[in-house]
């Protein structure tokens, strides 16, 4: 099943909130998307003002980025989460109804 851009953005925001030091490569691997797509999503979120980057020195890495959610990013993450939750509840209710119909069909 293909993920919507909004769903990917939510997953990226959640990962960044939990691990601001995550690399793009690790983010891509954890989300099951290409490195290019991870980079594209991060640039889009930065462009929208939802995420800001900061360089930091790391003993393992000469230069790395720290990805921080902005106040606008935190608000947007909450909005997207609510929308996603409502959609999943609707899908669950529809699936539950379909399962009940199939059970009745088998019993008949």
PDB file of N, CA and C in Angstrom:
ATOM      1  N   UNK A   1       0.836  -1.173   0.000  1.00  0.00           N
ATOM      2  CA  UNK A   1       0.000   0.000   0.000  1.00  0.00           C
ATOM      3  C   UNK A   1       0.886   1.244   0.000  1.00  0.00           C
ATOM      4  N   UNK A   2       0.610   2.162  -0.882  1.00  0.00           N
ATOM      5  CA  UNK A   2       1.378   3.387  -0.995  1.00  0.00           C
ATOM      6  C   UNK A   2       0.991   4.356   0.112  1.00  0.00           C
ATOM      7  N   UNK A   3       1.996   4.965   0.708  1.00  0.00           N
ATOM      8  CA  UNK A   3       1.758   5.938   1.762  1.00  0.00           C
ATOM      9  C   UNK A   3       1.530   7.312   1.132  1.00  0.00           C
ATOM     10  N   UNK A   4       0.603   8.065   1.700  1.00  0.00           N
ATOM     11  CA  UNK A   4       0.371   9.421   1.217  1.00  0.00           C
ATOM     12  C   UNK A   4       1.517  10.313   1.691  1.00  0.00           C
ATOM     13  N   UNK A   5       1.770  11.417   0.982  1.00  0.00           N
ATOM     14  CA  UNK A   5       2.813  12.351   1.440  1.00  0.00           C
ATOM     15  C   UNK A   5       2.568  12.816   2.878  1.00  0.00           C
ATOM     16  N   UNK A   6       1.306  13.035   3.225  1.00  0.00           N
ATOM     17  CA  UNK A   6       0.974  13.485   4.573  1.00  0.00           C
ATOM     18  C   UNK A   6       1.351  12.428   5.612  1.00  0.00           C
ATOM     19  N   UNK A   7       1.106  11.162   5.269  1.00  0.00           N
ATOM     20  CA  UNK A   7       1.455  10.070   6.174  1.00  0.00           C
ATOM     21  C   UNK A   7       2.979   9.969   6.342  1.00  0.00           C
ATOM     22  N   UNK A   8       3.710  10.134   5.269  1.00  0.00           N
ATOM     23  CA  UNK A   8       5.173  10.109   5.341  1.00  0.00           C
ATOM     24  C   UNK A   8       5.669  11.290   6.165  1.00  0.00           C
ATOM     25  N   UNK A   9       5.094  12.476   5.941  1.00  0.00           N
ATOM     26  CA  UNK A   9       5.496  13.654   6.716  1.00  0.00           C
ATOM     27  C   UNK A   9       5.254  13.425   8.204  1.00  0.00           C
ATOM     28  N   UNK A  10       4.125  12.816   8.549  1.00  0.00           N
ATOM     29  CA  UNK A  10       3.831  12.522   9.950  1.00  0.00           C
ATOM     30  C   UNK A  10       4.891  11.578  10.525  1.00  0.00           C
ATOM     31  N   UNK A  11       5.224  10.548   9.782  1.00  0.00           N
ATOM     32  CA  UNK A  11       6.223   9.594  10.263  1.00  0.00           C
ATOM     33  C   UNK A  11       7.586  10.261  10.425  1.00  0.00           C
ATOM     34  N   UNK A  12       7.940  11.124   9.486  1.00  0.00           N
ATOM     35  CA  UNK A  12       9.213  11.846   9.586  1.00  0.00           C
ATOM     36  C   UNK A  12       9.202  12.746  10.820  1.00  0.00           C
ATOM     37  N   UNK A  13       8.128  13.497  11.014  1.00  0.00           N
ATOM     38  CA  UNK A  13       8.036  14.386  12.175  1.00  0.00           C
ATOM     39  C   UNK A  13       8.131  13.600  13.483  1.00  0.00           C
ATOM     40  N   UNK A  14       7.469  12.472  13.528  1.00  0.00           N
ATOM     41  CA  UNK A  14       7.513  11.639  14.746  1.00  0.00           C
ATOM     42  C   UNK A  14       8.935  11.141  15.006  1.00  0.00           C
ATOM     43  N   UNK A  15       9.610  10.687  13.948  1.00  0.00           N
ATOM     44  CA  UNK A  15      10.979  10.209  14.116  1.00  0.00           C
ATOM     45  C   UNK A  15      11.915  11.336  14.552  1.00  0.00           C
ATOM     46  N   UNK A  16      11.766  12.499  13.941  1.00  0.00           N
ATOM     47  CA  UNK A  16      12.634  13.620  14.294  1.00  0.00           C
ATOM     48  C   UNK A  16      12.402  14.082  15.729  1.00  0.00           C
ATOM     49  N   UNK A  17      11.152  14.037  16.157  1.00  0.00           N
ATOM     50  CA  UNK A  17      10.839  14.433  17.529  1.00  0.00           C
ATOM     51  C   UNK A  17      11.499  13.467  18.523  1.00  0.00           C
ATOM     52  N   UNK A  18      11.508  12.184  18.191  1.00  0.00           N
ATOM     53  CA  UNK A  18      12.087  11.171  19.069  1.00  0.00           C
ATOM     54  C   UNK A  18      13.610  11.108  18.989  1.00  0.00           C
ATOM     55  N   UNK A  19      14.162  11.446  17.815  1.00  0.00           N
ATOM     56  CA  UNK A  19      15.609  11.336  17.615  1.00  0.00           C
ATOM     57  C   UNK A  19      16.091  12.465  16.699  1.00  0.00           C
ATOM     58  N   UNK A  20      16.302  13.667  17.256  1.00  0.00           N
ATOM     59  CA  UNK A  20      16.712  14.813  16.432  1.00  0.00           C
ATOM     60  C   UNK A  20      18.068  14.628  15.746  1.00  0.00           C
ATOM     61  N   UNK A  21      18.884  13.690  16.242  1.00  0.00           N
ATOM     62  CA  UNK A  21      20.209  13.463  15.666  1.00  0.00           C
ATOM     63  C   UNK A  21      20.211  12.387  14.586  1.00  0.00           C
ATOM     64  N   UNK A  22      19.037  11.878  14.213  1.00  0.00           N
ATOM     65  CA  UNK A  22      18.953  10.802  13.229  1.00  0.00           C
ATOM     66  C   UNK A  22      19.545  11.252  11.892  1.00  0.00           C
ATOM     67  N   UNK A  23      20.215  10.333  11.238  1.00  0.00           N
ATOM     68  CA  UNK A  23      20.755  10.641   9.913  1.00  0.00           C
ATOM     69  C   UNK A  23      19.666  10.398   8.867  1.00  0.00           C
ATOM     70  N   UNK A  24      19.838  11.005   7.721  1.00  0.00           N
ATOM     71  CA  UNK A  24      18.866  10.793   6.648  1.00  0.00           C
ATOM     72  C   UNK A  24      18.863   9.326   6.221  1.00  0.00           C
ATOM     73  N   UNK A  25      20.010   8.716   6.213  1.00  0.00           N
ATOM     74  CA  UNK A  25      20.110   7.308   5.812  1.00  0.00           C
ATOM     75  C   UNK A  25      19.339   6.414   6.782  1.00  0.00           C
ATOM     76  N   UNK A  26      19.506   6.642   8.087  1.00  0.00           N
ATOM     77  CA  UNK A  26      18.798   5.844   9.094  1.00  0.00           C
ATOM     78  C   UNK A  26      17.296   6.130   9.028  1.00  0.00           C
ATOM     79  N   UNK A  27      16.930   7.381   8.839  1.00  0.00           N
ATOM     80  CA  UNK A  27      15.521   7.754   8.724  1.00  0.00           C
ATOM     81  C   UNK A  27      14.883   7.024   7.545  1.00  0.00           C
ATOM     82  N   UNK A  28      15.557   7.045   6.406  1.00  0.00           N
ATOM     83  CA  UNK A  28      15.044   6.370   5.212  1.00  0.00           C
ATOM     84  C   UNK A  28      14.858   4.877   5.475  1.00  0.00           C
ATOM     85  N   UNK A  29      15.840   4.262   6.108  1.00  0.00           N
ATOM     86  CA  UNK A  29      15.767   2.824   6.391  1.00  0.00           C
ATOM     87  C   UNK A  29      14.601   2.514   7.322  1.00  0.00           C
ATOM     88  N   UNK A  30      14.446   3.299   8.392  1.00  0.00           N
ATOM     89  CA  UNK A  30      13.374   3.044   9.358  1.00  0.00           C
ATOM     90  C   UNK A  30      11.983   3.266   8.760  1.00  0.00           C
ATOM     91  N   UNK A  31      11.876   4.179   7.807  1.00  0.00           N
ATOM     92  CA  UNK A  31      10.579   4.461   7.186  1.00  0.00           C
ATOM     93  C   UNK A  31      10.326   3.597   5.952  1.00  0.00           C
ATOM     94  N   UNK A  32      11.335   2.892   5.496  1.00  0.00           N
ATOM     95  CA  UNK A  32      11.178   2.056   4.308  1.00  0.00           C
ATOM     96  C   UNK A  32      11.034   2.869   3.030  1.00  0.00           C
ATOM     97  N   UNK A  33      11.747   4.001   2.981  1.00  0.00           N
ATOM     98  CA  UNK A  33      11.723   4.856   1.792  1.00  0.00           C
ATOM     99  C   UNK A  33      13.161   5.060   1.317  1.00  0.00           C
ATOM    100  N   UNK A  34      13.304   5.577   0.108  1.00  0.00           N
ATOM    101  CA  UNK A  34      14.644   5.814  -0.422  1.00  0.00           C
ATOM    102  C   UNK A  34      15.297   6.996   0.289  1.00  0.00           C
ATOM    103  N   UNK A  35      16.616   7.033   0.220  1.00  0.00           N
ATOM    104  CA  UNK A  35      17.364   8.141   0.800  1.00  0.00           C
ATOM    105  C   UNK A  35      16.956   9.460   0.129  1.00  0.00           C
ATOM    106  N   UNK A  36      16.755   9.423  -1.179  1.00  0.00           N
ATOM    107  CA  UNK A  36      16.332  10.611  -1.909  1.00  0.00           C
ATOM    108  C   UNK A  36      14.975  11.128  -1.439  1.00  0.00           C
ATOM    109  N   UNK A  37      14.057  10.194  -1.182  1.00  0.00           N
ATOM    110  CA  UNK A  37      12.731  10.586  -0.714  1.00  0.00           C
ATOM    111  C   UNK A  37      12.803  11.175   0.696  1.00  0.00           C
ATOM    112  N   UNK A  38      13.655  10.598   1.531  1.00  0.00           N
ATOM    113  CA  UNK A  38      13.842  11.134   2.886  1.00  0.00           C
ATOM    114  C   UNK A  38      14.383  12.553   2.809  1.00  0.00           C
ATOM    115  N   UNK A  39      15.369  12.756   1.939  1.00  0.00           N
ATOM    116  CA  UNK A  39      15.950  14.090   1.752  1.00  0.00           C
ATOM    117  C   UNK A  39      14.901  15.069   1.246  1.00  0.00           C
ATOM    118  N   UNK A  40      14.112  14.638   0.278  1.00  0.00           N
ATOM    119  CA  UNK A  40      13.050  15.481  -0.293  1.00  0.00           C
ATOM    120  C   UNK A  40      12.029  15.873   0.779  1.00  0.00           C
ATOM    121  N   UNK A  41      11.621  14.912   1.602  1.00  0.00           N
ATOM    122  CA  UNK A  41      10.643  15.183   2.666  1.00  0.00           C
ATOM    123  C   UNK A  41      11.213  16.154   3.691  1.00  0.00           C
ATOM    124  N   UNK A  42      12.458  15.927   4.078  1.00  0.00           N
ATOM    125  CA  UNK A  42      13.080  16.831   5.047  1.00  0.00           C
ATOM    126  C   UNK A  42      13.163  18.254   4.501  1.00  0.00           C
ATOM    127  N   UNK A  43      13.556  18.376   3.241  1.00  0.00           N
ATOM    128  CA  UNK A  43      13.632  19.714   2.629  1.00  0.00           C
ATOM    129  C   UNK A  43      12.251  20.365   2.583  1.00  0.00           C
ATOM    130  N   UNK A  44      11.224  19.579   2.281  1.00  0.00           N
ATOM    131  CA  UNK A  44       9.855  20.115   2.238  1.00  0.00           C
ATOM    132  C   UNK A  44       9.424  20.592   3.627  1.00  0.00           C
ATOM    133  N   UNK A  45       9.712  19.809   4.654  1.00  0.00           N
ATOM    134  CA  UNK A  45       9.334  20.177   6.020  1.00  0.00           C
ATOM    135  C   UNK A  45      10.108  21.404   6.495  1.00  0.00           C
ATOM    136  N   UNK A  46      11.374  21.483   6.100  1.00  0.00           N
ATOM    137  CA  UNK A  46      12.180  22.663   6.438  1.00  0.00           C
ATOM    138  C   UNK A  46      11.632  23.883   5.706  1.00  0.00           C
ATOM    139  N   UNK A  47      11.297  23.698   4.427  1.00  0.00           N
ATOM    140  CA  UNK A  47      10.750  24.797   3.621  1.00  0.00           C
ATOM    141  C   UNK A  47       9.427  25.334   4.155  1.00  0.00           C
ATOM    142  N   UNK A  48       8.639  24.453   4.765  1.00  0.00           N
ATOM    143  CA  UNK A  48       7.354  24.870   5.342  1.00  0.00           C
ATOM    144  C   UNK A  48       7.520  25.474   6.735  1.00  0.00           C
ATOM    145  N   UNK A  49       8.742  25.450   7.241  1.00  0.00           N
ATOM    146  CA  UNK A  49       8.989  26.001   8.572  1.00  0.00           C
ATOM    147  C   UNK A  49       8.585  25.071   9.696  1.00  0.00           C
ATOM    148  N   UNK A  50       8.460  23.773   9.410  1.00  0.00           N
ATOM    149  CA  UNK A  50       8.057  22.802  10.423  1.00  0.00           C
ATOM    150  C   UNK A  50       9.256  22.189  11.140  1.00  0.00           C
ATOM    151  N   UNK A  51      10.400  22.222  10.469  1.00  0.00           N
ATOM    152  CA  UNK A  51      11.633  21.664  11.010  1.00  0.00           C
ATOM    153  C   UNK A  51      12.753  22.660  10.745  1.00  0.00           C
ATOM    154  N   UNK A  52      13.652  22.775  11.710  1.00  0.00           N
ATOM    155  CA  UNK A  52      14.856  23.577  11.475  1.00  0.00           C
ATOM    156  C   UNK A  52      16.057  22.678  11.714  1.00  0.00           C
ATOM    157  N   UNK A  53      17.148  23.011  11.060  1.00  0.00           N
ATOM    158  CA  UNK A  53      18.361  22.214  11.204  1.00  0.00           C
ATOM    159  C   UNK A  53      19.426  23.035  11.896  1.00  0.00           C
ATOM    160  N   UNK A  54      20.297  22.316  12.545  1.00  0.00           N
ATOM    161  CA  UNK A  54      21.424  22.944  13.216  1.00  0.00           C
ATOM    162  C   UNK A  54      22.597  21.984  13.051  1.00  0.00           C
ATOM    163  N   UNK A  55      23.757  22.505  12.743  1.00  0.00           N
ATOM    164  CA  UNK A  55      24.941  21.649  12.640  1.00  0.00           C
ATOM    165  C   UNK A  55      25.480  21.397  14.038  1.00  0.00           C
ATOM    166  N   UNK A  56      26.017  20.221  14.223  1.00  0.00           N
ATOM    167  CA  UNK A  56      26.704  19.938  15.477  1.00  0.00           C
ATOM    168  C   UNK A  56      27.873  19.016  15.198  1.00  0.00           C
ATOM    169  N   UNK A  57      28.863  19.092  16.038  1.00  0.00           N
ATOM    170  CA  UNK A  57      30.051  18.243  15.881  1.00  0.00           C
ATOM    171  C   UNK A  57      29.819  16.948  16.641  1.00  0.00           C
ATOM    172  N   UNK A  58      30.234  15.880  16.017  1.00  0.00           N
ATOM    173  CA  UNK A  58      30.038  14.558  16.594  1.00  0.00           C
ATOM    174  C   UNK A  58      31.347  13.803  16.428  1.00  0.00           C
ATOM    175  N   UNK A  59      31.744  13.060  17.437  1.00  0.00           N
ATOM    176  CA  UNK A  59      33.024  12.355  17.367  1.00  0.00           C
ATOM    177  C   UNK A  59      33.074  11.341  16.217  1.00  0.00           C
ATOM    178  N   UNK A  60      31.936  10.762  15.856  1.00  0.00           N
ATOM    179  CA  UNK A  60      31.900   9.779  14.778  1.00  0.00           C
ATOM    180  C   UNK A  60      31.725  10.416  13.403  1.00  0.00           C
ATOM    181  N   UNK A  61      31.311  11.636  13.379  1.00  0.00           N
ATOM    182  CA  UNK A  61      30.942  12.287  12.137  1.00  0.00           C
ATOM    183  C   UNK A  61      31.478  13.711  12.183  1.00  0.00           C
ATOM    184  N   UNK A  62      32.247  14.107  11.165  1.00  0.00           N
ATOM    185  CA  UNK A  62      32.840  15.450  11.194  1.00  0.00           C
ATOM    186  C   UNK A  62      31.785  16.547  11.302  1.00  0.00           C
ATOM    187  N   UNK A  63      30.704  16.375  10.596  1.00  0.00           N
ATOM    188  CA  UNK A  63      29.631  17.361  10.639  1.00  0.00           C
ATOM    189  C   UNK A  63      28.313  16.636  10.427  1.00  0.00           C
ATOM    190  N   UNK A  64      27.369  16.915  11.276  1.00  0.00           N
ATOM    191  CA  UNK A  64      26.073  16.260  11.165  1.00  0.00           C
ATOM    192  C   UNK A  64      24.989  17.287  11.455  1.00  0.00           C
ATOM    193  N   UNK A  65      23.760  16.904  11.178  1.00  0.00           N
ATOM    194  CA  UNK A  65      22.642  17.812  11.408  1.00  0.00           C
ATOM    195  C   UNK A  65      21.825  17.367  12.603  1.00  0.00           C
ATOM    196  N   UNK A  66      21.286  18.347  13.262  1.00  0.00           N
ATOM    197  CA  UNK A  66      20.321  18.138  14.327  1.00  0.00           C
ATOM    198  C   UNK A  66      19.005  18.665  13.766  1.00  0.00           C
ATOM    199  N   UNK A  67      17.978  17.831  13.720  1.00  0.00           N
ATOM    200  CA  UNK A  67      16.681  18.219  13.168  1.00  0.00           C
ATOM    201  C   UNK A  67      15.719  18.495  14.313  1.00  0.00           C
ATOM    202  N   UNK A  68      15.257  19.724  14.392  1.00  0.00           N
ATOM    203  CA  UNK A  68      14.381  20.138  15.487  1.00  0.00           C
ATOM    204  C   UNK A  68      13.027  20.579  14.954  1.00  0.00           C
ATOM    205  N   UNK A  69      11.966  20.087  15.581  1.00  0.00           N
ATOM    206  CA  UNK A  69      10.625  20.548  15.222  1.00  0.00           C
ATOM    207  C   UNK A  69      10.439  21.965  15.754  1.00  0.00           C
ATOM    208  N   UNK A  70       9.907  22.821  14.918  1.00  0.00           N
ATOM    209  CA  UNK A  70       9.596  24.179  15.347  1.00  0.00           C
ATOM    210  C   UNK A  70       8.242  24.141  16.059  1.00  0.00           C
ATOM    211  N   UNK A  71       7.867  25.225  16.746  1.00  0.00           N
ATOM    212  CA  UNK A  71       6.517  25.252  17.329  1.00  0.00           C
ATOM    213  C   UNK A  71       5.437  24.997  16.270  1.00  0.00           C
ATOM    214  N   UNK A  72       5.644  25.539  15.079  1.00  0.00           N
ATOM    215  CA  UNK A  72       4.709  25.291  13.972  1.00  0.00           C
ATOM    216  C   UNK A  72       4.719  23.808  13.592  1.00  0.00           C
ATOM    217  N   UNK A  73       5.892  23.182  13.635  1.00  0.00           N
ATOM    218  CA  UNK A  73       6.012  21.759  13.317  1.00  0.00           C
ATOM    219  C   UNK A  73       5.309  20.884  14.340  1.00  0.00           C
ATOM    220  N   UNK A  74       5.403  21.263  15.610  1.00  0.00           N
ATOM    221  CA  UNK A  74       4.726  20.509  16.666  1.00  0.00           C
ATOM    222  C   UNK A  74       3.215  20.604  16.479  1.00  0.00           C
ATOM    223  N   UNK A  75       2.744  21.793  16.165  1.00  0.00           N
ATOM    224  CA  UNK A  75       1.304  22.001  15.943  1.00  0.00           C
ATOM    225  C   UNK A  75       0.834  21.203  14.719  1.00  0.00           C
ATOM    226  N   UNK A  76       1.601  21.246  13.652  1.00  0.00           N
ATOM    227  CA  UNK A  76       1.235  20.518  12.430  1.00  0.00           C
ATOM    228  C   UNK A  76       1.258  19.019  12.665  1.00  0.00           C
ATOM    229  N   UNK A  77       2.226  18.521  13.424  1.00  0.00           N
ATOM    230  CA  UNK A  77       2.289  17.098  13.749  1.00  0.00           C
ATOM    231  C   UNK A  77       1.022  16.681  14.482  1.00  0.00           C
ATOM    232  N   UNK A  78       0.570  17.502  15.418  1.00  0.00           N
ATOM    233  CA  UNK A  78      -0.665  17.201  16.153  1.00  0.00           C
ATOM    234  C   UNK A  78      -1.870  17.193  15.220  1.00  0.00           C
ATOM    235  N   UNK A  79      -1.928  18.155  14.308  1.00  0.00           N
ATOM    236  CA  UNK A  79      -3.045  18.244  13.361  1.00  0.00           C
ATOM    237  C   UNK A  79      -3.084  17.027  12.446  1.00  0.00           C
ATOM    238  N   UNK A  80      -1.924  16.663  11.909  1.00  0.00           N
ATOM    239  CA  UNK A  80      -1.851  15.514  11.008  1.00  0.00           C
ATOM    240  C   UNK A  80      -2.173  14.228  11.771  1.00  0.00           C
ATOM    241  N   UNK A  81      -1.691  14.117  13.004  1.00  0.00           N
ATOM    242  CA  UNK A  81      -1.959  12.933  13.816  1.00  0.00           C
ATOM    243  C   UNK A  81      -3.458  12.768  14.037  1.00  0.00           C
ATOM    244  N   UNK A  82      -4.142  13.847  14.361  1.00  0.00           N
ATOM    245  CA  UNK A  82      -5.586  13.797  14.575  1.00  0.00           C
ATOM    246  C   UNK A  82      -6.306  13.355  13.297  1.00  0.00           C
ATOM    247  N   UNK A  83      -5.935  13.928  12.171  1.00  0.00           N
ATOM    248  CA  UNK A  83      -6.527  13.566  10.884  1.00  0.00           C
ATOM    249  C   UNK A  83      -6.272  12.086  10.570  1.00  0.00           C
ATOM    250  N   UNK A  84      -5.032  11.634  10.792  1.00  0.00           N
ATOM    251  CA  UNK A  84      -4.651  10.255  10.532  1.00  0.00           C
ATOM    252  C   UNK A  84      -5.432   9.300  11.438  1.00  0.00           C
ATOM    253  N   UNK A  85      -5.563   9.661  12.704  1.00  0.00           N
ATOM    254  CA  UNK A  85      -6.297   8.838  13.658  1.00  0.00           C
ATOM    255  C   UNK A  85      -7.762   8.705  13.256  1.00  0.00           C
ATOM    256  N   UNK A  86      -8.384   9.804  12.868  1.00  0.00           N
ATOM    257  CA  UNK A  86      -9.787   9.761  12.423  1.00  0.00           C
ATOM    258  C   UNK A  86      -9.944   8.838  11.214  1.00  0.00           C
ATOM    259  N   UNK A  87      -9.013   8.946  10.268  1.00  0.00           N
ATOM    260  CA  UNK A  87      -9.079   8.108   9.066  1.00  0.00           C
ATOM    261  C   UNK A  87      -8.921   6.635   9.422  1.00  0.00           C
ATOM    262  N   UNK A  88      -7.995   6.324  10.310  1.00  0.00           N
ATOM    263  CA  UNK A  88      -7.771   4.936  10.709  1.00  0.00           C
ATOM    264  C   UNK A  88      -8.967   4.377  11.479  1.00  0.00           C
ATOM    265  N   UNK A  89      -9.607   5.187  12.303  1.00  0.00           N
ATOM    266  CA  UNK A  89     -10.813   4.742  13.021  1.00  0.00           C
ATOM    267  C   UNK A  89     -11.924   4.427  12.030  1.00  0.00           C
ATOM    268  N   UNK A  90     -12.093   5.288  11.023  1.00  0.00           N
ATOM    269  CA  UNK A  90     -13.102   5.024   9.979  1.00  0.00           C
ATOM    270  C   UNK A  90     -12.791   3.725   9.242  1.00  0.00           C
ATOM    271  N   UNK A  91     -11.520   3.523   8.892  1.00  0.00           N
ATOM    272  CA  UNK A  91     -11.124   2.293   8.206  1.00  0.00           C
ATOM    273  C   UNK A  91     -11.398   1.080   9.085  1.00  0.00           C
ATOM    274  N   UNK A  92     -11.105   1.205  10.367  1.00  0.00           N
ATOM    275  CA  UNK A  92     -11.337   0.115  11.315  1.00  0.00           C
ATOM    276  C   UNK A  92     -12.819  -0.213  11.410  1.00  0.00           C
ATOM    277  N   UNK A  93     -13.667   0.805  11.515  1.00  0.00           N
ATOM    278  CA  UNK A  93     -15.114   0.583  11.609  1.00  0.00           C
ATOM    279  C   UNK A  93     -15.649  -0.086  10.345  1.00  0.00           C
ATOM    280  N   UNK A  94     -15.174   0.359   9.186  1.00  0.00           N
ATOM    281  CA  UNK A  94     -15.601  -0.252   7.924  1.00  0.00           C
ATOM    282  C   UNK A  94     -15.137  -1.698   7.821  1.00  0.00           C
ATOM    283  N   UNK A  95     -13.928  -1.963   8.252  1.00  0.00           N
ATOM    284  CA  UNK A  95     -13.402  -3.324   8.224  1.00  0.00           C
ATOM    285  C   UNK A  95     -14.168  -4.226   9.189  1.00  0.00           C
ATOM    286  N   UNK A  96     -14.464  -3.709  10.356  1.00  0.00           N
ATOM    287  CA  UNK A  96     -15.240  -4.470  11.338  1.00  0.00           C
ATOM    288  C   UNK A  96     -16.617  -4.828  10.779  1.00  0.00           C
ATOM    289  N   UNK A  97     -17.241  -3.874  10.101  1.00  0.00           N
ATOM    290  CA  UNK A  97     -18.557  -4.113   9.487  1.00  0.00           C
ATOM    291  C   UNK A  97     -18.450  -5.197   8.404  1.00  0.00           C
ATOM    292  N   UNK A  98     -17.416  -5.108   7.583  1.00  0.00           N
ATOM    293  CA  UNK A  98     -17.225  -6.089   6.519  1.00  0.00           C
ATOM    294  C   UNK A  98     -16.977  -7.482   7.095  1.00  0.00           C
ATOM    295  N   UNK A  99     -16.200  -7.568   8.158  1.00  0.00           N
ATOM    296  CA  UNK A  99     -15.934  -8.859   8.807  1.00  0.00           C
ATOM    297  C   UNK A  99     -17.233  -9.457   9.337  1.00  0.00           C
ATOM    298  N   UNK A 100     -18.065  -8.655   9.966  1.00  0.00           N
ATOM    299  CA  UNK A 100     -19.353  -9.139  10.479  1.00  0.00           C
ATOM    300  C   UNK A 100     -20.249  -9.633   9.348  1.00  0.00           C
ATOM    301  N   UNK A 101     -20.259  -8.918   8.233  1.00  0.00           N
ATOM    302  CA  UNK A 101     -21.060  -9.329   7.080  1.00  0.00           C
ATOM    303  C   UNK A 101     -20.558 -10.666   6.531  1.00  0.00           C
ATOM    304  N   UNK A 102     -19.243 -10.829   6.467  1.00  0.00           N
ATOM    305  CA  UNK A 102     -18.676 -12.088   5.979  1.00  0.00           C
ATOM    306  C   UNK A 102     -18.988 -13.240   6.929  1.00  0.00           C
ATOM    307  N   UNK A 103     -18.930 -12.986   8.210  1.00  0.00           N
ATOM    308  CA  UNK A 103     -19.276 -14.022   9.194  1.00  0.00           C
ATOM    309  C   UNK A 103     -20.735 -14.455   9.030  1.00  0.00           C
ATOM    310  N   UNK A 104     -21.631 -13.478   8.850  1.00  0.00           N
ATOM    311  CA  UNK A 104     -23.044 -13.795   8.654  1.00  0.00           C
ATOM    312  C   UNK A 104     -23.250 -14.598   7.378  1.00  0.00           C
ATOM    313  N   UNK A 105     -22.512 -14.234   6.342  1.00  0.00           N
ATOM    314  CA  UNK A 105     -22.611 -14.941   5.056  1.00  0.00           C
ATOM    315  C   UNK A 105     -22.173 -16.394   5.210  1.00  0.00           C
ATOM    316  N   UNK A 106     -21.101 -16.618   5.957  1.00  0.00           N
ATOM    317  CA  UNK A 106     -20.607 -17.987   6.173  1.00  0.00           C
ATOM    318  C   UNK A 106     -21.597 -18.794   6.991  1.00  0.00           C
ATOM    319  N   UNK A 107     -22.216 -18.182   7.966  1.00  0.00           N
ATOM    320  CA  UNK A 107     -23.159 -18.877   8.833  1.00  0.00           C
ATOM    321  C   UNK A 107     -24.471 -19.206   8.143  1.00  0.00           C
ATOM    322  N   UNK A 108     -24.760 -18.508   7.079  1.00  0.00           N
ATOM    323  CA  UNK A 108     -26.037 -18.744   6.357  1.00  0.00           C
ATOM    324  C   UNK A 108     -25.998 -19.976   5.511  1.00  0.00           C
TER     325      UNK A 108
END
